[in-house]
Amino acid sequence: MLKITAIDNEHRRTLVLEGRLVDPWIAELERSWAEAKRADGTRTIVVDLKDVTAISQRGENLLFQMMADGATFNCCRGVLTKHVLQQVERRRETHSRKVGNQ
């Protein structure tokens, strides 16, 4: 199960994730992310991963897309989540370099 809570203030929307970032709940995060991007053109969007206990490959791919779209991340309690987020960041940097060289 994945619980998503949106916390808003004047400058930021935080999406707090709790549980497992795996199918079938990834679709719910995709919807929440799309809604946050539409509603919050000027606010920073922060994704809080402190209480995420598992991330599938598809979940990792979504985090990559969110990072590429400008999300920032508040992390992490678990070593696994921290490791996955570091991998996503490396992947984003590699992708950015490849796109920049074209």
C-alpha atoms as a PDB file:
ATOM      1  CA  MET A   1       0.000   0.000   0.000  1.00  0.00           C
ATOM      2  CA  LEU A   2       1.083   3.599  -0.636  1.00  0.00           C
ATOM      3  CA  LYS A   3      -0.354   6.585   1.184  1.00  0.00           C
ATOM      4  CA  ILE A   4       0.133  10.003  -0.433  1.00  0.00           C
ATOM      5  CA  THR A   5      -0.521  13.158   1.554  1.00  0.00           C
ATOM      6  CA  ALA A   6      -0.234  16.631   0.027  1.00  0.00           C
ATOM      7  CA  ILE A   7       0.835  19.405   2.394  1.00  0.00           C
ATOM      8  CA  ASP A   8       0.658  22.921   1.013  1.00  0.00           C
ATOM      9  CA  ASN A   9       2.075  26.232   2.087  1.00  0.00           C
ATOM     10  CA  GLU A  10       2.651  29.491   0.252  1.00  0.00           C
ATOM     11  CA  HIS A  11       5.940  28.462  -1.360  1.00  0.00           C
ATOM     12  CA  ARG A  12       5.858  24.678  -1.532  1.00  0.00           C
ATOM     13  CA  ARG A  13       3.703  21.606  -1.985  1.00  0.00           C
ATOM     14  CA  THR A  14       5.038  18.510  -0.272  1.00  0.00           C
ATOM     15  CA  LEU A  15       3.916  15.050  -1.317  1.00  0.00           C
ATOM     16  CA  VAL A  16       4.505  12.768   1.661  1.00  0.00           C
ATOM     17  CA  LEU A  17       4.767   9.106   0.621  1.00  0.00           C
ATOM     18  CA  GLU A  18       4.290   6.282   3.102  1.00  0.00           C
ATOM     19  CA  GLY A  19       4.563   2.607   2.246  1.00  0.00           C
ATOM     20  CA  ARG A  20       5.549   0.758  -0.895  1.00  0.00           C
ATOM     21  CA  LEU A  21       6.190   2.512  -4.219  1.00  0.00           C
ATOM     22  CA  VAL A  22       5.214  -0.506  -6.320  1.00  0.00           C
ATOM     23  CA  ASP A  23       2.362  -1.519  -8.641  1.00  0.00           C
ATOM     24  CA  PRO A  24      -0.549  -0.905  -8.478  1.00  0.00           C
ATOM     25  CA  TRP A  25       0.043   2.232  -6.372  1.00  0.00           C
ATOM     26  CA  ILE A  26       2.501   3.843  -8.765  1.00  0.00           C
ATOM     27  CA  ALA A  27      -0.445   4.984 -10.890  1.00  0.00           C
ATOM     28  CA  GLU A  28      -1.782   6.923  -7.903  1.00  0.00           C
ATOM     29  CA  LEU A  29       1.524   8.741  -7.500  1.00  0.00           C
ATOM     30  CA  GLU A  30       1.544   9.479 -11.243  1.00  0.00           C
ATOM     31  CA  ARG A  31      -1.884  11.128 -10.855  1.00  0.00           C
ATOM     32  CA  SER A  32      -0.796  13.061  -7.757  1.00  0.00           C
ATOM     33  CA  TRP A  33       2.362  14.248  -9.526  1.00  0.00           C
ATOM     34  CA  ALA A  34       0.445  15.362 -12.635  1.00  0.00           C
ATOM     35  CA  GLU A  35      -2.040  17.246 -10.447  1.00  0.00           C
ATOM     36  CA  ALA A  36       0.738  18.893  -8.445  1.00  0.00           C
ATOM     37  CA  LYS A  37       2.491  20.064 -11.623  1.00  0.00           C
ATOM     38  CA  ARG A  38      -0.749  21.527 -13.018  1.00  0.00           C
ATOM     39  CA  ALA A  39      -1.745  23.242  -9.786  1.00  0.00           C
ATOM     40  CA  ASP A  40       1.651  24.473  -8.648  1.00  0.00           C
ATOM     41  CA  GLY A  41       3.387  26.238 -11.496  1.00  0.00           C
ATOM     42  CA  THR A  42       5.173  28.642  -9.165  1.00  0.00           C
ATOM     43  CA  ARG A  43       5.626  26.573  -6.014  1.00  0.00           C
ATOM     44  CA  THR A  44       8.413  24.098  -5.381  1.00  0.00           C
ATOM     45  CA  ILE A  45       7.257  20.492  -5.236  1.00  0.00           C
ATOM     46  CA  VAL A  46       9.013  18.360  -2.629  1.00  0.00           C
ATOM     47  CA  VAL A  47       8.594  14.592  -2.452  1.00  0.00           C
ATOM     48  CA  ASP A  48       9.108  13.215   1.054  1.00  0.00           C
ATOM     49  CA  LEU A  49      10.377   9.622   0.882  1.00  0.00           C
ATOM     50  CA  LYS A  50      11.216   9.145   4.567  1.00  0.00           C
ATOM     51  CA  ASP A  51       8.533   6.523   5.121  1.00  0.00           C
ATOM     52  CA  VAL A  52       8.865   4.614   1.842  1.00  0.00           C
ATOM     53  CA  THR A  53       9.709   0.984   2.532  1.00  0.00           C
ATOM     54  CA  ALA A  54      10.154  -0.417  -1.009  1.00  0.00           C
ATOM     55  CA  ILE A  55      10.630   0.929  -4.535  1.00  0.00           C
ATOM     56  CA  SER A  56      10.161  -1.148  -7.688  1.00  0.00           C
ATOM     57  CA  GLN A  57      11.929  -0.464 -10.987  1.00  0.00           C
ATOM     58  CA  ARG A  58       8.789   1.254 -12.288  1.00  0.00           C
ATOM     59  CA  GLY A  59       8.722   3.371  -9.121  1.00  0.00           C
ATOM     60  CA  GLU A  60      12.356   4.283  -9.678  1.00  0.00           C
ATOM     61  CA  ASN A  61      11.522   5.296 -13.243  1.00  0.00           C
ATOM     62  CA  LEU A  62       8.751   7.560 -11.956  1.00  0.00           C
ATOM     63  CA  LEU A  63      11.125   9.178  -9.448  1.00  0.00           C
ATOM     64  CA  PHE A  64      13.544   9.774 -12.334  1.00  0.00           C
ATOM     65  CA  GLN A  65      10.809  11.507 -14.332  1.00  0.00           C
ATOM     66  CA  MET A  66       9.742  13.566 -11.323  1.00  0.00           C
ATOM     67  CA  MET A  67      13.344  14.633 -10.742  1.00  0.00           C
ATOM     68  CA  ALA A  68      13.724  15.551 -14.420  1.00  0.00           C
ATOM     69  CA  ASP A  69      10.509  17.596 -14.134  1.00  0.00           C
ATOM     70  CA  GLY A  70      11.918  19.588 -11.214  1.00  0.00           C
ATOM     71  CA  ALA A  71      10.855  17.778  -8.060  1.00  0.00           C
ATOM     72  CA  THR A  72      13.140  17.925  -5.075  1.00  0.00           C
ATOM     73  CA  PHE A  73      13.326  15.103  -2.575  1.00  0.00           C
ATOM     74  CA  ASN A  74      13.359  14.907   1.195  1.00  0.00           C
ATOM     75  CA  CYS A  75      15.031  11.683   2.127  1.00  0.00           C
ATOM     76  CA  CYS A  76      15.513   9.225   3.772  1.00  0.00           C
ATOM     77  CA  ARG A  77      15.253   6.869   6.691  1.00  0.00           C
ATOM     78  CA  GLY A  78      16.025   3.641   4.924  1.00  0.00           C
ATOM     79  CA  VAL A  79      19.340   2.829   3.325  1.00  0.00           C
ATOM     80  CA  LEU A  80      17.507   1.297   0.352  1.00  0.00           C
ATOM     81  CA  THR A  81      15.530   4.476  -0.366  1.00  0.00           C
ATOM     82  CA  LYS A  82      18.637   6.619  -0.088  1.00  0.00           C
ATOM     83  CA  HIS A  83      20.510   4.268  -2.430  1.00  0.00           C
ATOM     84  CA  VAL A  84      17.686   4.272  -5.007  1.00  0.00           C
ATOM     85  CA  LEU A  85      17.478   8.059  -4.928  1.00  0.00           C
ATOM     86  CA  GLN A  86      21.248   8.333  -5.445  1.00  0.00           C
ATOM     87  CA  GLN A  87      20.970   5.989  -8.436  1.00  0.00           C
ATOM     88  CA  VAL A  88      18.137   8.078  -9.869  1.00  0.00           C
ATOM     89  CA  GLU A  89      20.213  11.236  -9.469  1.00  0.00           C
ATOM     90  CA  ARG A  90      23.199   9.627 -11.238  1.00  0.00           C
ATOM     91  CA  ARG A  91      20.908   8.466 -14.014  1.00  0.00           C
ATOM     92  CA  ARG A  92      19.468  11.981 -14.391  1.00  0.00           C
ATOM     93  CA  GLU A  93      22.952  13.514 -14.545  1.00  0.00           C
ATOM     94  CA  THR A  94      24.045  10.986 -17.192  1.00  0.00           C
ATOM     95  CA  HIS A  95      20.903  11.648 -19.197  1.00  0.00           C
ATOM     96  CA  SER A  96      21.429  15.420 -18.947  1.00  0.00           C
ATOM     97  CA  ARG A  97      25.008  15.089 -20.213  1.00  0.00           C
ATOM     98  CA  LYS A  98      23.905  12.941 -23.153  1.00  0.00           C
ATOM     99  CA  VAL A  99      21.138  15.370 -24.107  1.00  0.00           C
ATOM    100  CA  GLY A 100      23.533  18.319 -23.756  1.00  0.00           C
ATOM    101  CA  ASN A 101      26.059  16.716 -26.106  1.00  0.00           C
ATOM    102  CA  GLN A 102      23.562  16.224 -28.912  1.00  0.00           C
END
